[in-house]
C-alpha atoms as a PDB file:
ATOM      1  CA  MET A   1     -22.532 -33.124 -98.030  1.00  0.00           C
ATOM      2  CA  ARG A   2     -18.900 -33.880 -97.294  1.00  0.00           C
ATOM      3  CA  MET A   3     -17.552 -32.132-100.239  1.00  0.00           C
ATOM      4  CA  ASN A   4     -13.819 -32.615 -99.194  1.00  0.00           C
ATOM      5  CA  GLU A   5     -14.241 -36.368 -99.209  1.00  0.00           C
ATOM      6  CA  ALA A   6     -15.994 -36.692-102.051  1.00  0.00           C
ATOM      7  CA  MET A   7     -13.722 -34.483-104.247  1.00  0.00           C
ATOM      8  CA  GLN A   8     -10.838 -36.331-103.163  1.00  0.00           C
ATOM      9  CA  PHE A   9     -10.209 -37.700-106.837  1.00  0.00           C
ATOM     10  CA  GLU A  10     -11.785 -34.660-108.423  1.00  0.00           C
ATOM     11  CA  PRO A  11      -9.513 -31.696-108.459  1.00  0.00           C
ATOM     12  CA  GLU A  12     -11.067 -28.635-109.722  1.00  0.00           C
ATOM     13  CA  GLY A  13     -14.374 -29.696-109.131  1.00  0.00           C
ATOM     14  CA  ARG A  14     -15.215 -31.897-111.988  1.00  0.00           C
ATOM     15  CA  ALA A  15     -17.992 -33.804-110.591  1.00  0.00           C
ATOM     16  CA  LYS A  16     -21.232 -32.352-111.393  1.00  0.00           C
ATOM     17  CA  LEU A  17     -24.456 -33.409-109.503  1.00  0.00           C
ATOM     18  CA  ALA A  18     -27.322 -34.829-111.664  1.00  0.00           C
ATOM     19  CA  ALA A  19     -30.054 -32.590-112.349  1.00  0.00           C
ATOM     20  CA  ALA A  20     -32.499 -32.922-109.024  1.00  0.00           C
ATOM     21  CA  PRO A  21     -36.129 -32.094-109.040  1.00  0.00           C
ATOM     22  CA  THR A  22     -37.474 -29.174-107.179  1.00  0.00           C
ATOM     23  CA  VAL A  23     -38.729 -29.903-103.785  1.00  0.00           C
ATOM     24  CA  GLU A  24     -42.279 -28.980-103.799  1.00  0.00           C
ATOM     25  CA  SER A  25     -44.371 -28.605-100.517  1.00  0.00           C
ATOM     26  CA  GLU A  26     -47.200 -31.081-101.149  1.00  0.00           C
ATOM     27  CA  THR A  27     -45.016 -34.416 -99.897  1.00  0.00           C
ATOM     28  CA  THR A  28     -46.982 -37.245 -98.233  1.00  0.00           C
ATOM     29  CA  GLY A  29     -44.073 -37.797 -95.580  1.00  0.00           C
ATOM     30  CA  GLU A  30     -43.898 -41.292 -96.808  1.00  0.00           C
ATOM     31  CA  ILE A  31     -40.028 -41.020 -97.628  1.00  0.00           C
ATOM     32  CA  ASP A  32     -37.672 -38.250 -96.149  1.00  0.00           C
ATOM     33  CA  ILE A  33     -36.960 -36.016 -98.923  1.00  0.00           C
ATOM     34  CA  SER A  34     -33.989 -34.363 -97.177  1.00  0.00           C
ATOM     35  CA  GLU A  35     -32.328 -37.636 -96.574  1.00  0.00           C
ATOM     36  CA  LEU A  36     -32.857 -38.792 -99.951  1.00  0.00           C
ATOM     37  CA  ARG A  37     -31.342 -35.690-101.436  1.00  0.00           C
ATOM     38  CA  ARG A  38     -28.211 -36.026 -99.124  1.00  0.00           C
ATOM     39  CA  VAL A  39     -27.657 -39.694 -99.954  1.00  0.00           C
ATOM     40  CA  THR A  40     -28.304 -39.292-103.692  1.00  0.00           C
ATOM     41  CA  THR A  41     -26.023 -36.615-103.752  1.00  0.00           C
ATOM     42  CA  ASP A  42     -23.280 -38.245-101.778  1.00  0.00           C
ATOM     43  CA  ALA A  43     -23.515 -41.632-104.041  1.00  0.00           C
ATOM     44  CA  HIS A  44     -23.247 -39.062-107.403  1.00  0.00           C
ATOM     45  CA  HIS A  45     -20.253 -38.184-105.920  1.00  0.00           C
ATOM     46  CA  GLN A  46     -18.976 -41.430-105.037  1.00  0.00           C
ATOM     47  CA  SER A  47     -19.775 -42.345-108.838  1.00  0.00           C
ATOM     48  CA  GLN A  48     -17.596 -39.635-110.036  1.00  0.00           C
ATOM     49  CA  ASN A  49     -14.478 -40.079-107.616  1.00  0.00           C
ATOM     50  CA  LEU A  50     -14.283 -44.165-108.818  1.00  0.00           C
ATOM     51  CA  GLU A  51     -14.689 -43.113-112.572  1.00  0.00           C
ATOM     52  CA  TYR A  52     -11.906 -40.690-111.940  1.00  0.00           C
ATOM     53  CA  PHE A  53      -9.688 -43.319-110.219  1.00  0.00           C
ATOM     54  CA  ARG A  54      -9.779 -45.422-112.960  1.00  0.00           C
ATOM     55  CA  ARG A  55      -9.177 -43.219-115.534  1.00  0.00           C
ATOM     56  CA  SER A  56      -6.268 -41.638-113.912  1.00  0.00           C
ATOM     57  CA  TRP A  57      -4.978 -44.885-112.338  1.00  0.00           C
ATOM     58  CA  GLY A  58      -5.274 -43.440-108.718  1.00  0.00           C
ATOM     59  CA  GLY A  59      -4.063 -40.371-109.898  1.00  0.00           C
ATOM     60  CA  ALA A  60      -0.981 -41.275-111.393  1.00  0.00           C
ATOM     61  CA  VAL A  61      -1.858 -39.804-114.837  1.00  0.00           C
ATOM     62  CA  ARG A  62      -2.259 -36.126-115.310  1.00  0.00           C
ATOM     63  CA  ASP A  63      -5.551 -34.585-116.475  1.00  0.00           C
ATOM     64  CA  GLU A  64      -4.108 -33.762-119.539  1.00  0.00           C
ATOM     65  CA  ASN A  65      -3.070 -37.195-120.411  1.00  0.00           C
ATOM     66  CA  LEU A  66      -6.190 -38.877-119.404  1.00  0.00           C
ATOM     67  CA  HIS A  67      -7.241 -39.577-123.104  1.00  0.00           C
ATOM     68  CA  LYS A  68      -3.916 -41.150-124.037  1.00  0.00           C
ATOM     69  CA  VAL A  69      -4.065 -43.776-121.151  1.00  0.00           C
ATOM     70  CA  LYS A  70      -6.140 -46.762-120.924  1.00  0.00           C
ATOM     71  CA  PRO A  71      -8.523 -46.838-117.816  1.00  0.00           C
ATOM     72  CA  ILE A  72      -8.597 -49.826-115.602  1.00  0.00           C
ATOM     73  CA  ALA A  73     -11.109 -51.908-117.081  1.00  0.00           C
ATOM     74  CA  ILE A  74     -12.046 -54.315-114.379  1.00  0.00           C
ATOM     75  CA  ALA A  75     -14.533 -53.881-111.628  1.00  0.00           C
ATOM     76  CA  PRO A  76     -12.384 -54.176-107.889  1.00  0.00           C
ATOM     77  CA  GLN A  77     -11.378 -57.038-106.312  1.00  0.00           C
ATOM     78  CA  TYR A  78     -12.581 -56.951-102.536  1.00  0.00           C
ATOM     79  CA  GLY A  79     -13.976 -58.880-100.158  1.00  0.00           C
ATOM     80  CA  LYS A  80     -16.087 -58.295 -96.618  1.00  0.00           C
ATOM     81  CA  SER A  81     -14.469 -60.844 -94.558  1.00  0.00           C
ATOM     82  CA  HIS A  82     -10.806 -62.109 -94.639  1.00  0.00           C
ATOM     83  CA  ILE A  83     -11.471 -64.987 -91.966  1.00  0.00           C
ATOM     84  CA  MET A  84     -10.541 -67.799 -94.375  1.00  0.00           C
ATOM     85  CA  ASP A  85      -7.421 -66.005 -95.636  1.00  0.00           C
ATOM     86  CA  PHE A  86      -6.149 -65.428 -91.672  1.00  0.00           C
ATOM     87  CA  SER A  87      -7.331 -69.306 -90.982  1.00  0.00           C
ATOM     88  CA  ILE A  88      -5.290 -70.518 -93.502  1.00  0.00           C
ATOM     89  CA  LEU A  89      -2.341 -68.432 -92.686  1.00  0.00           C
ATOM     90  CA  ALA A  90      -2.505 -69.859 -89.013  1.00  0.00           C
ATOM     91  CA  LEU A  91      -2.941 -73.344 -90.192  1.00  0.00           C
ATOM     92  CA  ILE A  92       0.396 -72.977 -91.966  1.00  0.00           C
ATOM     93  CA  ILE A  93       1.922 -71.804 -89.003  1.00  0.00           C
ATOM     94  CA  LEU A  94       0.759 -74.402 -87.154  1.00  0.00           C
ATOM     95  CA  VAL A  95       1.332 -77.525 -89.365  1.00  0.00           C
ATOM     96  CA  GLU A  96       4.667 -76.447 -90.261  1.00  0.00           C
ATOM     97  CA  GLY A  97       5.643 -75.807 -86.432  1.00  0.00           C
ATOM     98  CA  LEU A  98       4.431 -78.982 -85.299  1.00  0.00           C
ATOM     99  CA  ALA A  99       6.182 -80.780 -88.203  1.00  0.00           C
ATOM    100  CA  ASN A 100       9.487 -79.264 -86.832  1.00  0.00           C
ATOM    101  CA  ALA A 101       9.108 -79.154 -83.174  1.00  0.00           C
ATOM    102  CA  TYR A 102      10.516 -82.636 -82.365  1.00  0.00           C
ATOM    103  CA  PHE A 103      13.651 -82.114 -84.663  1.00  0.00           C
ATOM    104  CA  PHE A 104      14.191 -78.765 -82.977  1.00  0.00           C
ATOM    105  CA  SER A 105      13.752 -79.792 -79.690  1.00  0.00           C
ATOM    106  CA  LYS A 106      17.316 -81.825 -79.917  1.00  0.00           C
ATOM    107  CA  ALA A 107      18.827 -78.743 -79.257  1.00  0.00           C
ATOM    108  CA  SER A 108      16.906 -77.014 -76.807  1.00  0.00           C
ATOM    109  CA  ASP A 109      17.103 -77.165 -72.980  1.00  0.00           C
ATOM    110  CA  LEU A 110      13.205 -77.005 -72.743  1.00  0.00           C
ATOM    111  CA  GLY A 111      12.865 -80.167 -74.748  1.00  0.00           C
ATOM    112  CA  LEU A 112       9.815 -80.498 -77.112  1.00  0.00           C
ATOM    113  CA  LEU A 113       8.285 -77.026 -75.905  1.00  0.00           C
ATOM    114  CA  GLY A 114      11.424 -75.098 -76.892  1.00  0.00           C
ATOM    115  CA  GLY A 115      11.515 -77.232 -80.057  1.00  0.00           C
ATOM    116  CA  TRP A 116       7.902 -76.053 -80.581  1.00  0.00           C
ATOM    117  CA  MET A 117       8.411 -72.513 -79.698  1.00  0.00           C
ATOM    118  CA  GLN A 118      11.541 -72.552 -82.292  1.00  0.00           C
ATOM    119  CA  ALA A 119       9.783 -73.966 -85.153  1.00  0.00           C
ATOM    120  CA  ILE A 120       6.883 -71.835 -84.543  1.00  0.00           C
ATOM    121  CA  THR A 121       9.214 -68.899 -84.631  1.00  0.00           C
ATOM    122  CA  VAL A 122      10.638 -69.871 -87.816  1.00  0.00           C
ATOM    123  CA  SER A 123       7.456 -70.617 -89.274  1.00  0.00           C
ATOM    124  CA  GLY A 124       5.771 -67.512 -88.342  1.00  0.00           C
ATOM    125  CA  THR A 125       8.421 -65.342 -89.545  1.00  0.00           C
ATOM    126  CA  ASN A 126       8.419 -67.576 -92.813  1.00  0.00           C
ATOM    127  CA  VAL A 127       4.383 -67.108 -93.561  1.00  0.00           C
ATOM    128  CA  LEU A 128       4.145 -63.614 -92.256  1.00  0.00           C
ATOM    129  CA  ALA A 129       7.126 -62.093 -94.314  1.00  0.00           C
ATOM    130  CA  ALA A 130       5.981 -63.908 -97.061  1.00  0.00           C
ATOM    131  CA  PHE A 131       2.289 -62.339 -96.517  1.00  0.00           C
ATOM    132  CA  PHE A 132       3.024 -58.791 -95.959  1.00  0.00           C
ATOM    133  CA  LEU A 133       6.539 -57.965 -97.371  1.00  0.00           C
ATOM    134  CA  ALA A 134       6.165 -59.855-100.757  1.00  0.00           C
ATOM    135  CA  GLY A 135       2.815 -60.565-101.552  1.00  0.00           C
ATOM    136  CA  PHE A 136       0.521 -57.715 -99.795  1.00  0.00           C
ATOM    137  CA  ILE A 137       3.150 -54.990-100.267  1.00  0.00           C
ATOM    138  CA  GLY A 138       5.730 -55.985-102.794  1.00  0.00           C
ATOM    139  CA  LEU A 139       3.942 -57.248-105.537  1.00  0.00           C
ATOM    140  CA  ARG A 140       0.988 -55.057-104.997  1.00  0.00           C
ATOM    141  CA  LEU A 141       3.305 -52.129-105.495  1.00  0.00           C
ATOM    142  CA  THR A 142       4.107 -53.634-109.299  1.00  0.00           C
ATOM    143  CA  THR A 143       0.680 -53.584-110.642  1.00  0.00           C
ATOM    144  CA  ASN A 144       0.323 -49.894-111.590  1.00  0.00           C
ATOM    145  CA  PRO A 145       2.091 -49.223-114.704  1.00  0.00           C
ATOM    146  CA  HIS A 146       2.025 -45.382-114.325  1.00  0.00           C
ATOM    147  CA  ARG A 147       4.167 -45.477-111.128  1.00  0.00           C
ATOM    148  CA  PRO A 148       7.450 -46.664-112.212  1.00  0.00           C
ATOM    149  CA  ALA A 149       9.319 -45.631-108.741  1.00  0.00           C
ATOM    150  CA  GLN A 150       6.634 -47.349-107.279  1.00  0.00           C
ATOM    151  CA  ARG A 151       7.097 -50.612-109.221  1.00  0.00           C
ATOM    152  CA  ILE A 152      10.964 -50.661-108.911  1.00  0.00           C
ATOM    153  CA  ALA A 153      10.207 -50.448-105.114  1.00  0.00           C
ATOM    154  CA  GLY A 154       8.044 -53.284-105.166  1.00  0.00           C
ATOM    155  CA  TRP A 155       9.999 -55.629-107.396  1.00  0.00           C
ATOM    156  CA  ALA A 156      13.398 -54.910-104.832  1.00  0.00           C
ATOM    157  CA  LEU A 157      10.953 -55.471-101.904  1.00  0.00           C
ATOM    158  CA  PHE A 158       9.947 -58.642-103.405  1.00  0.00           C
ATOM    159  CA  ILE A 159      13.488 -59.907-104.670  1.00  0.00           C
ATOM    160  CA  VAL A 160      14.948 -59.073-101.065  1.00  0.00           C
ATOM    161  CA  THR A 161      12.138 -60.885 -99.574  1.00  0.00           C
ATOM    162  CA  VAL A 162      12.386 -63.940-101.314  1.00  0.00           C
ATOM    163  CA  LEU A 163      16.225 -64.136-100.926  1.00  0.00           C
ATOM    164  CA  ALA A 164      15.698 -63.745 -96.929  1.00  0.00           C
ATOM    165  CA  LEU A 165      13.116 -66.323 -97.129  1.00  0.00           C
ATOM    166  CA  TYR A 166      15.132 -68.659 -99.219  1.00  0.00           C
ATOM    167  CA  ALA A 167      18.138 -68.232 -96.677  1.00  0.00           C
ATOM    168  CA  LEU A 168      15.757 -68.603 -93.585  1.00  0.00           C
ATOM    169  CA  ASN A 169      14.207 -71.670 -95.027  1.00  0.00           C
ATOM    170  CA  MET A 170      17.783 -73.543 -96.065  1.00  0.00           C
ATOM    171  CA  SER A 171      19.500 -72.465 -92.602  1.00  0.00           C
ATOM    172  CA  ALA A 172      16.309 -74.210 -90.837  1.00  0.00           C
ATOM    173  CA  ALA A 173      16.636 -77.213 -92.952  1.00  0.00           C
ATOM    174  CA  GLN A 174      20.539 -77.469 -92.724  1.00  0.00           C
ATOM    175  CA  TYR A 175      19.979 -76.834 -88.967  1.00  0.00           C
ATOM    176  CA  ARG A 176      17.907 -79.717 -88.639  1.00  0.00           C
ATOM    177  CA  ASP A 177      19.787 -81.905 -90.879  1.00  0.00           C
ATOM    178  CA  LEU A 178      22.476 -81.203 -89.071  1.00  0.00           C
ATOM    179  CA  LEU A 179      21.048 -81.872 -85.787  1.00  0.00           C
ATOM    180  CA  GLU A 180      19.932 -85.281 -86.499  1.00  0.00           C
ATOM    181  CA  ILE A 181      22.874 -86.874 -88.202  1.00  0.00           C
ATOM    182  CA  HIS A 182      25.217 -85.755 -85.750  1.00  0.00           C
ATOM    183  CA  SER A 183      22.975 -86.528 -82.787  1.00  0.00           C
ATOM    184  CA  LEU A 184      23.260 -90.245 -84.279  1.00  0.00           C
ATOM    185  CA  GLN A 185      27.176 -89.636 -84.738  1.00  0.00           C
ATOM    186  CA  LEU A 186      27.818 -88.395 -81.063  1.00  0.00           C
ATOM    187  CA  ALA A 187      25.742 -91.436 -80.088  1.00  0.00           C
ATOM    188  CA  VAL A 188      28.322 -93.839 -81.478  1.00  0.00           C
ATOM    189  CA  GLY A 189      31.168 -91.689 -80.757  1.00  0.00           C
ATOM    190  CA  GLU A 190      32.265 -91.034 -84.323  1.00  0.00           C
ATOM    191  CA  VAL A 191      31.997 -87.155 -83.920  1.00  0.00           C
ATOM    192  CA  ALA A 192      33.496 -84.776 -81.448  1.00  0.00           C
ATOM    193  CA  PRO A 193      30.573 -82.305 -79.835  1.00  0.00           C
ATOM    194  CA  GLN A 194      32.805 -79.318 -81.426  1.00  0.00           C
ATOM    195  CA  GLU A 195      32.453 -80.969 -84.798  1.00  0.00           C
ATOM    196  CA  MET A 196      28.837 -81.152 -84.550  1.00  0.00           C
ATOM    197  CA  PHE A 197      27.432 -78.045 -86.557  1.00  0.00           C
ATOM    198  CA  LEU A 198      28.949 -79.156 -89.867  1.00  0.00           C
ATOM    199  CA  SER A 199      28.794 -82.329 -91.947  1.00  0.00           C
ATOM    200  CA  ASP A 200      31.553 -83.521 -93.944  1.00  0.00           C
ATOM    201  CA  HIS A 201      29.395 -82.780 -97.308  1.00  0.00           C
ATOM    202  CA  GLY A 202      28.407 -79.368 -95.834  1.00  0.00           C
ATOM    203  CA  ARG A 203      32.176 -78.555 -95.211  1.00  0.00           C
ATOM    204  CA  GLN A 204      33.450 -79.310 -98.562  1.00  0.00           C
ATOM    205  CA  VAL A 205      30.560 -77.480-100.230  1.00  0.00           C
ATOM    206  CA  ALA A 206      31.141 -74.332 -97.791  1.00  0.00           C
ATOM    207  CA  ASP A 207      34.687 -74.149 -98.570  1.00  0.00           C
ATOM    208  CA  ALA A 208      34.638 -74.661-101.989  1.00  0.00           C
ATOM    209  CA  ALA A 209      32.203 -72.129-102.202  1.00  0.00           C
ATOM    210  CA  ASN A 210      34.187 -69.478-100.177  1.00  0.00           C
ATOM    211  CA  THR A 211      37.315 -70.491-102.357  1.00  0.00           C
ATOM    212  CA  ALA A 212      35.363 -69.709-105.406  1.00  0.00           C
ATOM    213  CA  GLY A 213      33.586 -66.443-104.097  1.00  0.00           C
ATOM    214  CA  ALA A 214      30.440 -67.970-105.299  1.00  0.00           C
ATOM    215  CA  GLY A 215      28.311 -65.927-102.417  1.00  0.00           C
ATOM    216  CA  ILE A 216      26.718 -69.247-101.171  1.00  0.00           C
ATOM    217  CA  GLY A 217      28.819 -70.002 -98.310  1.00  0.00           C
ATOM    218  CA  PHE A 218      28.447 -68.218 -94.913  1.00  0.00           C
ATOM    219  CA  GLY A 219      30.416 -69.018 -91.649  1.00  0.00           C
ATOM    220  CA  ASN A 220      30.166 -72.798 -91.438  1.00  0.00           C
ATOM    221  CA  LEU A 221      26.939 -73.495 -93.025  1.00  0.00           C
ATOM    222  CA  ALA A 222      26.491 -73.896 -96.965  1.00  0.00           C
ATOM    223  CA  TRP A 223      23.372 -72.698 -98.452  1.00  0.00           C
ATOM    224  CA  GLY A 224      23.057 -74.510-101.329  1.00  0.00           C
ATOM    225  CA  PRO A 225      20.116 -77.247-101.299  1.00  0.00           C
ATOM    226  CA  PHE A 226      22.341 -79.946-102.519  1.00  0.00           C
ATOM    227  CA  ALA A 227      24.165 -79.582 -99.015  1.00  0.00           C
ATOM    228  CA  LEU A 228      21.540 -81.173 -97.480  1.00  0.00           C
ATOM    229  CA  GLN A 229      21.889 -84.935 -96.536  1.00  0.00           C
ATOM    230  CA  THR A 230      18.709 -86.350 -95.432  1.00  0.00           C
ATOM    231  CA  LEU A 231      14.975 -86.509 -96.798  1.00  0.00           C
ATOM    232  CA  GLU A 232      13.626 -84.724 -93.854  1.00  0.00           C
ATOM    233  CA  ALA A 233      15.765 -81.977 -94.198  1.00  0.00           C
ATOM    234  CA  ARG A 234      14.877 -81.626 -98.094  1.00  0.00           C
ATOM    235  CA  LEU A 235      11.268 -82.001 -97.218  1.00  0.00           C
ATOM    236  CA  LEU A 236      11.344 -79.265 -94.659  1.00  0.00           C
ATOM    237  CA  PHE A 237      13.062 -76.916 -97.083  1.00  0.00           C
ATOM    238  CA  LEU A 238      10.472 -77.656 -99.666  1.00  0.00           C
ATOM    239  CA  LEU A 239       7.652 -77.166 -97.252  1.00  0.00           C
ATOM    240  CA  GLY A 240       8.788 -73.738 -96.230  1.00  0.00           C
ATOM    241  CA  MET A 241       9.234 -72.238 -99.228  1.00  0.00           C
ATOM    242  CA  THR A 242       5.759 -73.689-100.608  1.00  0.00           C
ATOM    243  CA  PHE A 243       4.225 -72.399 -97.690  1.00  0.00           C
ATOM    244  CA  ALA A 244       5.850 -69.029 -98.487  1.00  0.00           C
ATOM    245  CA  VAL A 245       4.649 -69.049-101.919  1.00  0.00           C
ATOM    246  CA  ILE A 246       1.241 -69.856-100.944  1.00  0.00           C
ATOM    247  CA  ALA A 247       1.542 -66.779 -98.183  1.00  0.00           C
ATOM    248  CA  ALA A 248       2.813 -64.369-100.600  1.00  0.00           C
ATOM    249  CA  TYR A 249      -0.673 -65.388-102.887  1.00  0.00           C
ATOM    250  CA  LYS A 250      -2.650 -64.954-100.051  1.00  0.00           C
ATOM    251  CA  GLY A 251      -0.922 -61.117 -99.396  1.00  0.00           C
ATOM    252  CA  TYR A 252      -1.205 -60.310-103.046  1.00  0.00           C
ATOM    253  CA  SER A 253      -4.784 -61.262-103.381  1.00  0.00           C
ATOM    254  CA  PHE A 254      -5.885 -59.658 -99.983  1.00  0.00           C
ATOM    255  CA  SER A 255      -7.167 -56.859-101.408  1.00  0.00           C
ATOM    256  CA  ASP A 256      -7.208 -55.603-104.931  1.00  0.00           C
ATOM    257  CA  PRO A 257      -4.103 -55.286-106.741  1.00  0.00           C
ATOM    258  CA  ILE A 258      -4.074 -51.879-107.671  1.00  0.00           C
ATOM    259  CA  MET A 259      -3.457 -49.883-104.418  1.00  0.00           C
ATOM    260  CA  GLY A 260      -6.228 -47.630-103.093  1.00  0.00           C
ATOM    261  CA  TYR A 261      -9.012 -49.091-105.510  1.00  0.00           C
ATOM    262  CA  THR A 262     -10.566 -51.229-102.866  1.00  0.00           C
ATOM    263  CA  LYS A 263     -10.583 -48.251-100.708  1.00  0.00           C
ATOM    264  CA  ILE A 264     -12.646 -46.140-103.057  1.00  0.00           C
ATOM    265  CA  ALA A 265     -14.848 -49.033-104.174  1.00  0.00           C
ATOM    266  CA  ASP A 266     -15.971 -49.472-100.413  1.00  0.00           C
ATOM    267  CA  LYS A 267     -16.904 -46.337-100.086  1.00  0.00           C
ATOM    268  CA  THR A 268     -19.044 -46.699-103.647  1.00  0.00           C
ATOM    269  CA  ASP A 269     -20.321 -49.728-102.286  1.00  0.00           C
ATOM    270  CA  LYS A 270     -21.317 -48.249 -99.315  1.00  0.00           C
ATOM    271  CA  ALA A 271     -23.116 -45.427-100.810  1.00  0.00           C
ATOM    272  CA  LEU A 272     -24.876 -48.164-103.024  1.00  0.00           C
ATOM    273  CA  GLN A 273     -26.199 -49.734-100.100  1.00  0.00           C
ATOM    274  CA  ASP A 274     -27.820 -46.475 -98.527  1.00  0.00           C
ATOM    275  CA  MET A 275     -29.488 -45.653-102.024  1.00  0.00           C
ATOM    276  CA  ASN A 276     -30.855 -49.113-101.894  1.00  0.00           C
ATOM    277  CA  ARG A 277     -32.161 -48.655 -98.651  1.00  0.00           C
ATOM    278  CA  LEU A 278     -33.904 -45.653 -99.203  1.00  0.00           C
ATOM    279  CA  THR A 279     -35.376 -46.143-102.812  1.00  0.00           C
ATOM    280  CA  ARG A 280     -36.486 -50.004-102.293  1.00  0.00           C
ATOM    281  CA  LEU A 281     -40.102 -49.298-101.023  1.00  0.00           C
ATOM    282  CA  PRO A 282     -42.954 -51.822-100.685  1.00  0.00           C
ATOM    283  CA  LYS A 283     -45.663 -51.575-102.849  1.00  0.00           C
ATOM    284  CA  ASP A 284     -48.102 -49.750-100.204  1.00  0.00           C
ATOM    285  CA  LYS A 285     -45.526 -47.041 -99.670  1.00  0.00           C
ATOM    286  CA  LEU A 286     -45.339 -46.533-103.360  1.00  0.00           C
ATOM    287  CA  GLN A 287     -48.888 -46.149-103.873  1.00  0.00           C
ATOM    288  CA  LYS A 288     -49.045 -43.536-101.219  1.00  0.00           C
ATOM    289  CA  LEU A 289     -46.454 -41.149-102.696  1.00  0.00           C
ATOM    290  CA  SER A 290     -47.325 -37.959-104.092  1.00  0.00           C
ATOM    291  CA  GLU A 291     -46.154 -36.677-107.600  1.00  0.00           C
ATOM    292  CA  ALA A 292     -43.454 -34.805-105.939  1.00  0.00           C
ATOM    293  CA  ASP A 293     -42.086 -37.726-103.862  1.00  0.00           C
ATOM    294  CA  ARG A 294     -42.191 -39.806-107.191  1.00  0.00           C
ATOM    295  CA  GLN A 295     -40.037 -37.327-109.008  1.00  0.00           C
ATOM    296  CA  GLN A 296     -37.605 -37.346-106.147  1.00  0.00           C
ATOM    297  CA  LEU A 297     -37.565 -41.005-106.013  1.00  0.00           C
ATOM    298  CA  GLY A 298     -37.048 -41.679-109.324  1.00  0.00           C
ATOM    299  CA  TRP A 299     -34.308 -39.201-109.469  1.00  0.00           C
ATOM    300  CA  ALA A 300     -32.671 -40.952-106.714  1.00  0.00           C
ATOM    301  CA  GLU A 301     -33.261 -44.651-108.923  1.00  0.00           C
ATOM    302  CA  GLN A 302     -31.543 -42.833-111.672  1.00  0.00           C
ATOM    303  CA  VAL A 303     -28.661 -42.098-109.877  1.00  0.00           C
ATOM    304  CA  ARG A 304     -28.510 -45.311-107.925  1.00  0.00           C
ATOM    305  CA  ASP A 305     -28.654 -47.340-111.221  1.00  0.00           C
ATOM    306  CA  GLU A 306     -25.838 -45.298-112.545  1.00  0.00           C
ATOM    307  CA  LEU A 307     -23.910 -45.997-109.299  1.00  0.00           C
ATOM    308  CA  SER A 308     -24.623 -49.680-109.713  1.00  0.00           C
ATOM    309  CA  ALA A 309     -22.987 -49.607-113.232  1.00  0.00           C
ATOM    310  CA  VAL A 310     -19.838 -47.836-112.220  1.00  0.00           C
ATOM    311  CA  LEU A 311     -19.317 -50.140-109.354  1.00  0.00           C
ATOM    312  CA  ASN A 312     -19.496 -53.150-111.450  1.00  0.00           C
ATOM    313  CA  GLY A 313     -17.038 -52.339-113.895  1.00  0.00           C
ATOM    314  CA  PRO A 314     -16.801 -50.791-117.773  1.00  0.00           C
ATOM    315  CA  MET A 315     -16.494 -54.643-118.892  1.00  0.00           C
ATOM    316  CA  ARG A 316     -20.288 -55.008-117.664  1.00  0.00           C
ATOM    317  CA  LYS A 317     -22.612 -55.694-120.567  1.00  0.00           C
ATOM    318  CA  PRO A 318     -25.439 -53.001-121.341  1.00  0.00           C
ATOM    319  CA  GLY A 319     -28.660 -53.772-119.430  1.00  0.00           C
ATOM    320  CA  GLN A 320     -26.963 -55.970-116.944  1.00  0.00           C
ATOM    321  CA  ASP A 321     -26.737 -53.485-114.193  1.00  0.00           C
ATOM    322  CA  GLU A 322     -30.567 -52.828-114.606  1.00  0.00           C
ATOM    323  CA  ARG A 323     -31.462 -56.395-114.359  1.00  0.00           C
ATOM    324  CA  ASP A 324     -29.303 -57.035-111.196  1.00  0.00           C
ATOM    325  CA  SER A 325     -30.676 -53.844-109.554  1.00  0.00           C
ATOM    326  CA  ALA A 326     -34.057 -55.460-110.368  1.00  0.00           C
ATOM    327  CA  GLU A 327     -33.496 -58.500-108.615  1.00  0.00           C
ATOM    328  CA  VAL A 328     -32.387 -56.860-105.240  1.00  0.00           C
END
């Protein structure tokens, strides 16, 4: 019966099996009674596990305080395929990389190929960090109100990631800005090669920031968005931050915001599929069932409907689950 797995959210063995009819000898063999009882028993356990997860917010609330806490009131948000999400992330990395390959190639010995490799590296770091650190981990850690330490860690990770992504996109935009401006100045001999890495305006902003102790100057680079002088650099910064926001949202919505909710819901959904497979019998088989088989099937259908109602969430309207089951 896989009792250890079934009881993972049910300490003290609170899950009780629904009363099953006694197996009688006069069965027709049209249904496998032993498998039906095993799958139905497991489905009932999964239903209890999911309900307990909702009441305790994944074990964050102590049993004696369950009556004081409002349970999770929505069905789990999860999907079977994330091909579209990964496709969008790959497209974002490709578009951002191609948009900046030419400009980064000006400072690479490998030319356009080297510029593309630099651009893809920056874009990939930007998108993947936003997806995993800011969205999938950081924001999702903040969704359980009954885990304060976890929420603090989530917000800290999110803020640090946002600041790091701001610095990454700003440095990439200013790098592109300086390359474009000073390549023209070098061509006409207006600036010496050793002075290529900072514009006059950028140097003034950095010096002023360092003098004032504002914390936005670092080495020879100015980190304020107003230090950018070309439209392309500003568009690069805006594009990078926009893609980071999209990636962070995709990471947040990739699975249910409440960590662990999708995992237990997947197990419950798998149990429901097994129940549907065993209880959706064609009419010719139903007519051949003995009375003992009908009792076993009726018990299994009752557990199946209960499981379907629990999986669909506590906000479902009464009777909706039965209509859904009838339409399958």
